[in-house]
Amino acid sequence: MTTSRSLPPTTSTTTLPRGSVCMRNPDCVANAWCKDDAYISWCQTNSANCPAPQCIFGGTPTTTTTT
């Protein structure tokens, strides 16, 4: 006789370290686009590679929970 068991869903919580949010670089000496608000969302959208000089890693830690 074979008994089939289903595993409970896995839950993982990831806390990103401080400075792990890709955001617009506010340094106008290094970033010519420092006052262009379009880069606020653009940097978030491109957070996988956080392109410089338009964006930098900064911000506060965030917690993401997935099930």
PDB file of N, CA and C in Angstrom:
ATOM      1  N   MET A   1       0.834  -1.172   0.000  1.00  0.00           N
ATOM      2  CA  MET A   1       0.000   0.000   0.000  1.00  0.00           C
ATOM      3  C   MET A   1       0.889   1.249   0.000  1.00  0.00           C
ATOM      4  N   THR A   2       0.598   2.190  -0.893  1.00  0.00           N
ATOM      5  CA  THR A   2       1.366   3.418  -1.001  1.00  0.00           C
ATOM      6  C   THR A   2       0.545   4.568  -0.433  1.00  0.00           C
ATOM      7  N   THR A   3       1.149   5.311   0.461  1.00  0.00           N
ATOM      8  CA  THR A   3       0.472   6.461   1.042  1.00  0.00           C
ATOM      9  C   THR A   3       1.070   7.721   0.441  1.00  0.00           C
ATOM     10  N   SER A   4       0.224   8.565  -0.070  1.00  0.00           N
ATOM     11  CA  SER A   4       0.681   9.813  -0.664  1.00  0.00           C
ATOM     12  C   SER A   4       0.497  10.940   0.352  1.00  0.00           C
ATOM     13  N   ARG A   5       1.558  11.649   0.583  1.00  0.00           N
ATOM     14  CA  ARG A   5       1.488  12.779   1.512  1.00  0.00           C
ATOM     15  C   ARG A   5       1.811  14.054   0.749  1.00  0.00           C
ATOM     16  N   SER A   6       1.077  15.072   1.051  1.00  0.00           N
ATOM     17  CA  SER A   6       1.400  16.352   0.429  1.00  0.00           C
ATOM     18  C   SER A   6       2.202  17.178   1.436  1.00  0.00           C
ATOM     19  N   LEU A   7       3.182  17.829   0.927  1.00  0.00           N
ATOM     20  CA  LEU A   7       4.037  18.651   1.772  1.00  0.00           C
ATOM     21  C   LEU A   7       3.373  20.000   2.019  1.00  0.00           C
ATOM     22  N   PRO A   8       3.539  20.543   3.216  1.00  0.00           N
ATOM     23  CA  PRO A   8       2.978  21.870   3.476  1.00  0.00           C
ATOM     24  C   PRO A   8       3.724  22.917   2.649  1.00  0.00           C
ATOM     25  N   PRO A   9       3.075  24.028   2.334  1.00  0.00           N
ATOM     26  CA  PRO A   9       3.758  25.074   1.558  1.00  0.00           C
ATOM     27  C   PRO A   9       4.962  25.605   2.334  1.00  0.00           C
ATOM     28  N   THR A  10       5.994  25.929   1.610  1.00  0.00           N
ATOM     29  CA  THR A  10       7.188  26.473   2.241  1.00  0.00           C
ATOM     30  C   THR A  10       7.054  27.982   2.334  1.00  0.00           C
ATOM     31  N   THR A  11       7.508  28.510   3.423  1.00  0.00           N
ATOM     32  CA  THR A  11       7.501  29.951   3.625  1.00  0.00           C
ATOM     33  C   THR A  11       8.918  30.394   3.901  1.00  0.00           C
ATOM     34  N   SER A  12       9.352  31.410   3.192  1.00  0.00           N
ATOM     35  CA  SER A  12      10.680  31.950   3.456  1.00  0.00           C
ATOM     36  C   SER A  12      10.584  33.456   3.597  1.00  0.00           C
ATOM     37  N   THR A  13      11.356  33.973   4.501  1.00  0.00           N
ATOM     38  CA  THR A  13      11.405  35.414   4.716  1.00  0.00           C
ATOM     39  C   THR A  13      12.816  35.881   4.420  1.00  0.00           C
ATOM     40  N   THR A  14      12.912  36.897   3.576  1.00  0.00           N
ATOM     41  CA  THR A  14      14.211  37.442   3.212  1.00  0.00           C
ATOM     42  C   THR A  14      14.273  38.896   3.657  1.00  0.00           C
ATOM     43  N   THR A  15      15.281  39.234   4.415  1.00  0.00           N
ATOM     44  CA  THR A  15      15.492  40.615   4.810  1.00  0.00           C
ATOM     45  C   THR A  15      16.701  41.128   4.042  1.00  0.00           C
ATOM     46  N   LEU A  16      16.469  42.125   3.239  1.00  0.00           N
ATOM     47  CA  LEU A  16      17.554  42.704   2.458  1.00  0.00           C
ATOM     48  C   LEU A  16      18.369  43.634   3.354  1.00  0.00           C
ATOM     49  N   PRO A  17      19.672  43.591   3.241  1.00  0.00           N
ATOM     50  CA  PRO A  17      20.506  44.427   4.110  1.00  0.00           C
ATOM     51  C   PRO A  17      20.360  45.903   3.799  1.00  0.00           C
ATOM     52  N   ARG A  18      20.757  46.725   4.747  1.00  0.00           N
ATOM     53  CA  ARG A  18      20.704  48.176   4.570  1.00  0.00           C
ATOM     54  C   ARG A  18      21.464  48.548   3.302  1.00  0.00           C
ATOM     55  N   GLY A  19      20.888  49.458   2.541  1.00  0.00           N
ATOM     56  CA  GLY A  19      21.532  49.889   1.322  1.00  0.00           C
ATOM     57  C   GLY A  19      21.294  48.969   0.146  1.00  0.00           C
ATOM     58  N   SER A  20      20.251  48.159   0.202  1.00  0.00           N
ATOM     59  CA  SER A  20      20.020  47.211  -0.874  1.00  0.00           C
ATOM     60  C   SER A  20      18.898  47.633  -1.814  1.00  0.00           C
ATOM     61  N   VAL A  21      18.399  48.847  -1.658  1.00  0.00           N
ATOM     62  CA  VAL A  21      17.346  49.365  -2.524  1.00  0.00           C
ATOM     63  C   VAL A  21      18.002  50.202  -3.620  1.00  0.00           C
ATOM     64  N   CYS A  22      17.671  49.893  -4.877  1.00  0.00           N
ATOM     65  CA  CYS A  22      18.209  50.679  -5.985  1.00  0.00           C
ATOM     66  C   CYS A  22      17.391  51.956  -6.103  1.00  0.00           C
ATOM     67  N   MET A  23      18.040  53.087  -5.977  1.00  0.00           N
ATOM     68  CA  MET A  23      17.345  54.364  -5.997  1.00  0.00           C
ATOM     69  C   MET A  23      18.118  55.388  -6.821  1.00  0.00           C
ATOM     70  N   ARG A  24      17.435  56.463  -7.189  1.00  0.00           N
ATOM     71  CA  ARG A  24      18.078  57.528  -7.975  1.00  0.00           C
ATOM     72  C   ARG A  24      19.238  58.109  -7.179  1.00  0.00           C
ATOM     73  N   ASN A  25      20.353  58.315  -7.848  1.00  0.00           N
ATOM     74  CA  ASN A  25      21.535  58.902  -7.232  1.00  0.00           C
ATOM     75  C   ASN A  25      21.298  60.398  -7.052  1.00  0.00           C
ATOM     76  N   PRO A  26      21.242  60.889  -5.794  1.00  0.00           N
ATOM     77  CA  PRO A  26      20.970  62.305  -5.560  1.00  0.00           C
ATOM     78  C   PRO A  26      22.202  63.208  -5.691  1.00  0.00           C
ATOM     79  N   ASP A  27      23.367  62.630  -5.937  1.00  0.00           N
ATOM     80  CA  ASP A  27      24.611  63.397  -6.046  1.00  0.00           C
ATOM     81  C   ASP A  27      24.694  64.041  -7.428  1.00  0.00           C
ATOM     82  N   CYS A  28      24.421  65.337  -7.478  1.00  0.00           N
ATOM     83  CA  CYS A  28      24.401  66.042  -8.767  1.00  0.00           C
ATOM     84  C   CYS A  28      25.788  66.231  -9.374  1.00  0.00           C
ATOM     85  N   VAL A  29      26.847  66.039  -8.602  1.00  0.00           N
ATOM     86  CA  VAL A  29      28.206  66.109  -9.142  1.00  0.00           C
ATOM     87  C   VAL A  29      28.473  64.847  -9.966  1.00  0.00           C
ATOM     88  N   ALA A  30      28.038  63.698  -9.468  1.00  0.00           N
ATOM     89  CA  ALA A  30      28.282  62.424 -10.142  1.00  0.00           C
ATOM     90  C   ALA A  30      27.184  62.057 -11.138  1.00  0.00           C
ATOM     91  N   ASN A  31      25.974  62.576 -10.928  1.00  0.00           N
ATOM     92  CA  ASN A  31      24.819  62.168 -11.720  1.00  0.00           C
ATOM     93  C   ASN A  31      24.121  63.373 -12.336  1.00  0.00           C
ATOM     94  N   ALA A  32      24.240  63.505 -13.639  1.00  0.00           N
ATOM     95  CA  ALA A  32      23.603  64.624 -14.336  1.00  0.00           C
ATOM     96  C   ALA A  32      22.071  64.556 -14.287  1.00  0.00           C
ATOM     97  N   TRP A  33      21.514  63.394 -13.972  1.00  0.00           N
ATOM     98  CA  TRP A  33      20.065  63.196 -13.919  1.00  0.00           C
ATOM     99  C   TRP A  33      19.530  63.250 -12.492  1.00  0.00           C
ATOM    100  N   CYS A  34      20.269  63.847 -11.563  1.00  0.00           N
ATOM    101  CA  CYS A  34      19.938  63.826 -10.136  1.00  0.00           C
ATOM    102  C   CYS A  34      18.601  64.480  -9.796  1.00  0.00           C
ATOM    103  N   LYS A  35      18.120  65.364 -10.625  1.00  0.00           N
ATOM    104  CA  LYS A  35      16.850  66.049 -10.348  1.00  0.00           C
ATOM    105  C   LYS A  35      15.712  65.575 -11.251  1.00  0.00           C
ATOM    106  N   ASP A  36      15.966  64.572 -12.062  1.00  0.00           N
ATOM    107  CA  ASP A  36      14.946  64.035 -12.971  1.00  0.00           C
ATOM    108  C   ASP A  36      14.139  62.961 -12.243  1.00  0.00           C
ATOM    109  N   ASP A  37      12.890  63.293 -11.892  1.00  0.00           N
ATOM    110  CA  ASP A  37      12.038  62.383 -11.119  1.00  0.00           C
ATOM    111  C   ASP A  37      11.712  61.084 -11.850  1.00  0.00           C
ATOM    112  N   ALA A  38      11.878  61.046 -13.151  1.00  0.00           N
ATOM    113  CA  ALA A  38      11.618  59.809 -13.903  1.00  0.00           C
ATOM    114  C   ALA A  38      12.566  58.699 -13.457  1.00  0.00           C
ATOM    115  N   TYR A  39      13.734  59.076 -12.932  1.00  0.00           N
ATOM    116  CA  TYR A  39      14.713  58.074 -12.507  1.00  0.00           C
ATOM    117  C   TYR A  39      14.373  57.438 -11.165  1.00  0.00           C
ATOM    118  N   ILE A  40      13.409  57.975 -10.456  1.00  0.00           N
ATOM    119  CA  ILE A  40      12.983  57.342  -9.199  1.00  0.00           C
ATOM    120  C   ILE A  40      12.418  55.960  -9.512  1.00  0.00           C
ATOM    121  N   SER A  41      11.449  55.901 -10.414  1.00  0.00           N
ATOM    122  CA  SER A  41      10.856  54.608 -10.777  1.00  0.00           C
ATOM    123  C   SER A  41      11.773  53.820 -11.712  1.00  0.00           C
ATOM    124  N   TRP A  42      12.541  54.503 -12.558  1.00  0.00           N
ATOM    125  CA  TRP A  42      13.435  53.817 -13.489  1.00  0.00           C
ATOM    126  C   TRP A  42      14.477  53.006 -12.730  1.00  0.00           C
ATOM    127  N   CYS A  43      15.036  53.576 -11.666  1.00  0.00           N
ATOM    128  CA  CYS A  43      16.036  52.859 -10.874  1.00  0.00           C
ATOM    129  C   CYS A  43      15.413  51.657 -10.176  1.00  0.00           C
ATOM    130  N   GLN A  44      14.191  51.814  -9.684  1.00  0.00           N
ATOM    131  CA  GLN A  44      13.508  50.689  -9.038  1.00  0.00           C
ATOM    132  C   GLN A  44      13.250  49.576 -10.042  1.00  0.00           C
ATOM    133  N   THR A  45      12.853  49.934 -11.257  1.00  0.00           N
ATOM    134  CA  THR A  45      12.592  48.961 -12.304  1.00  0.00           C
ATOM    135  C   THR A  45      13.868  48.233 -12.722  1.00  0.00           C
ATOM    136  N   ASN A  46      14.991  48.924 -12.681  1.00  0.00           N
ATOM    137  CA  ASN A  46      16.280  48.353 -13.085  1.00  0.00           C
ATOM    138  C   ASN A  46      17.128  47.944 -11.891  1.00  0.00           C
ATOM    139  N   SER A  47      16.477  47.549 -10.808  1.00  0.00           N
ATOM    140  CA  SER A  47      17.200  47.246  -9.574  1.00  0.00           C
ATOM    141  C   SER A  47      18.095  46.016  -9.674  1.00  0.00           C
ATOM    142  N   ALA A  48      17.855  45.146 -10.643  1.00  0.00           N
ATOM    143  CA  ALA A  48      18.702  43.950 -10.780  1.00  0.00           C
ATOM    144  C   ALA A  48      20.162  44.324 -11.030  1.00  0.00           C
ATOM    145  N   ASN A  49      20.392  45.392 -11.803  1.00  0.00           N
ATOM    146  CA  ASN A  49      21.774  45.808 -12.063  1.00  0.00           C
ATOM    147  C   ASN A  49      22.069  47.215 -11.551  1.00  0.00           C
ATOM    148  N   CYS A  50      21.074  47.941 -11.106  1.00  0.00           N
ATOM    149  CA  CYS A  50      21.210  49.282 -10.506  1.00  0.00           C
ATOM    150  C   CYS A  50      22.285  50.113 -11.235  1.00  0.00           C
ATOM    151  N   PRO A  51      21.969  50.539 -12.457  1.00  0.00           N
ATOM    152  CA  PRO A  51      22.971  51.202 -13.302  1.00  0.00           C
ATOM    153  C   PRO A  51      23.465  52.547 -12.745  1.00  0.00           C
ATOM    154  N   ALA A  52      24.767  52.684 -12.718  1.00  0.00           N
ATOM    155  CA  ALA A  52      25.416  53.927 -12.285  1.00  0.00           C
ATOM    156  C   ALA A  52      25.700  54.777 -13.517  1.00  0.00           C
ATOM    157  N   PRO A  53      25.776  56.061 -13.449  1.00  0.00           N
ATOM    158  CA  PRO A  53      25.692  56.880 -12.248  1.00  0.00           C
ATOM    159  C   PRO A  53      24.259  57.295 -11.895  1.00  0.00           C
ATOM    160  N   GLN A  54      23.285  56.901 -12.724  1.00  0.00           N
ATOM    161  CA  GLN A  54      21.913  57.331 -12.477  1.00  0.00           C
ATOM    162  C   GLN A  54      21.360  56.786 -11.164  1.00  0.00           C
ATOM    163  N   CYS A  55      21.789  55.591 -10.781  1.00  0.00           N
ATOM    164  CA  CYS A  55      21.233  54.920  -9.603  1.00  0.00           C
ATOM    165  C   CYS A  55      22.338  54.479  -8.657  1.00  0.00           C
ATOM    166  N   ILE A  56      21.965  54.362  -7.396  1.00  0.00           N
ATOM    167  CA  ILE A  56      22.866  53.834  -6.366  1.00  0.00           C
ATOM    168  C   ILE A  56      22.072  52.905  -5.462  1.00  0.00           C
ATOM    169  N   PHE A  57      22.790  52.024  -4.765  1.00  0.00           N
ATOM    170  CA  PHE A  57      22.136  51.213  -3.743  1.00  0.00           C
ATOM    171  C   PHE A  57      22.084  52.037  -2.469  1.00  0.00           C
ATOM    172  N   GLY A  58      20.929  52.133  -1.894  1.00  0.00           N
ATOM    173  CA  GLY A  58      20.754  52.890  -0.662  1.00  0.00           C
ATOM    174  C   GLY A  58      19.422  52.513  -0.046  1.00  0.00           C
ATOM    175  N   GLY A  59      18.955  53.323   0.864  1.00  0.00           N
ATOM    176  CA  GLY A  59      17.646  53.062   1.452  1.00  0.00           C
ATOM    177  C   GLY A  59      17.716  52.257   2.728  1.00  0.00           C
ATOM    178  N   THR A  60      16.553  51.751   3.123  1.00  0.00           N
ATOM    179  CA  THR A  60      16.430  51.027   4.372  1.00  0.00           C
ATOM    180  C   THR A  60      16.136  49.569   4.107  1.00  0.00           C
ATOM    181  N   PRO A  61      16.363  48.704   5.060  1.00  0.00           N
ATOM    182  CA  PRO A  61      16.089  47.292   4.857  1.00  0.00           C
ATOM    183  C   PRO A  61      14.617  47.020   4.600  1.00  0.00           C
ATOM    184  N   THR A  62      14.334  46.033   3.790  1.00  0.00           N
ATOM    185  CA  THR A  62      12.969  45.625   3.536  1.00  0.00           C
ATOM    186  C   THR A  62      12.856  44.141   3.784  1.00  0.00           C
ATOM    187  N   THR A  63      11.685  43.696   4.143  1.00  0.00           N
ATOM    188  CA  THR A  63      11.452  42.280   4.385  1.00  0.00           C
ATOM    189  C   THR A  63      10.421  41.786   3.410  1.00  0.00           C
ATOM    190  N   THR A  64      10.733  40.687   2.762  1.00  0.00           N
ATOM    191  CA  THR A  64       9.817  40.076   1.784  1.00  0.00           C
ATOM    192  C   THR A  64       9.517  38.660   2.245  1.00  0.00           C
ATOM    193  N   THR A  65       8.240  38.326   2.295  1.00  0.00           N
ATOM    194  CA  THR A  65       7.845  36.975   2.669  1.00  0.00           C
ATOM    195  C   THR A  65       7.152  36.321   1.490  1.00  0.00           C
ATOM    196  N   THR A  66       7.606  35.122   1.133  1.00  0.00           N
ATOM    197  CA  THR A  66       6.995  34.367   0.037  1.00  0.00           C
ATOM    198  C   THR A  66       6.516  33.029   0.565  1.00  0.00           C
ATOM    199  N   THR A  67       5.439  32.531  -0.013  1.00  0.00           N
ATOM    200  CA  THR A  67       4.944  31.206   0.367  1.00  0.00           C
ATOM    201  C   THR A  67       4.874  30.320  -0.836  1.00  0.00           C
TER     202      THR A  67
END
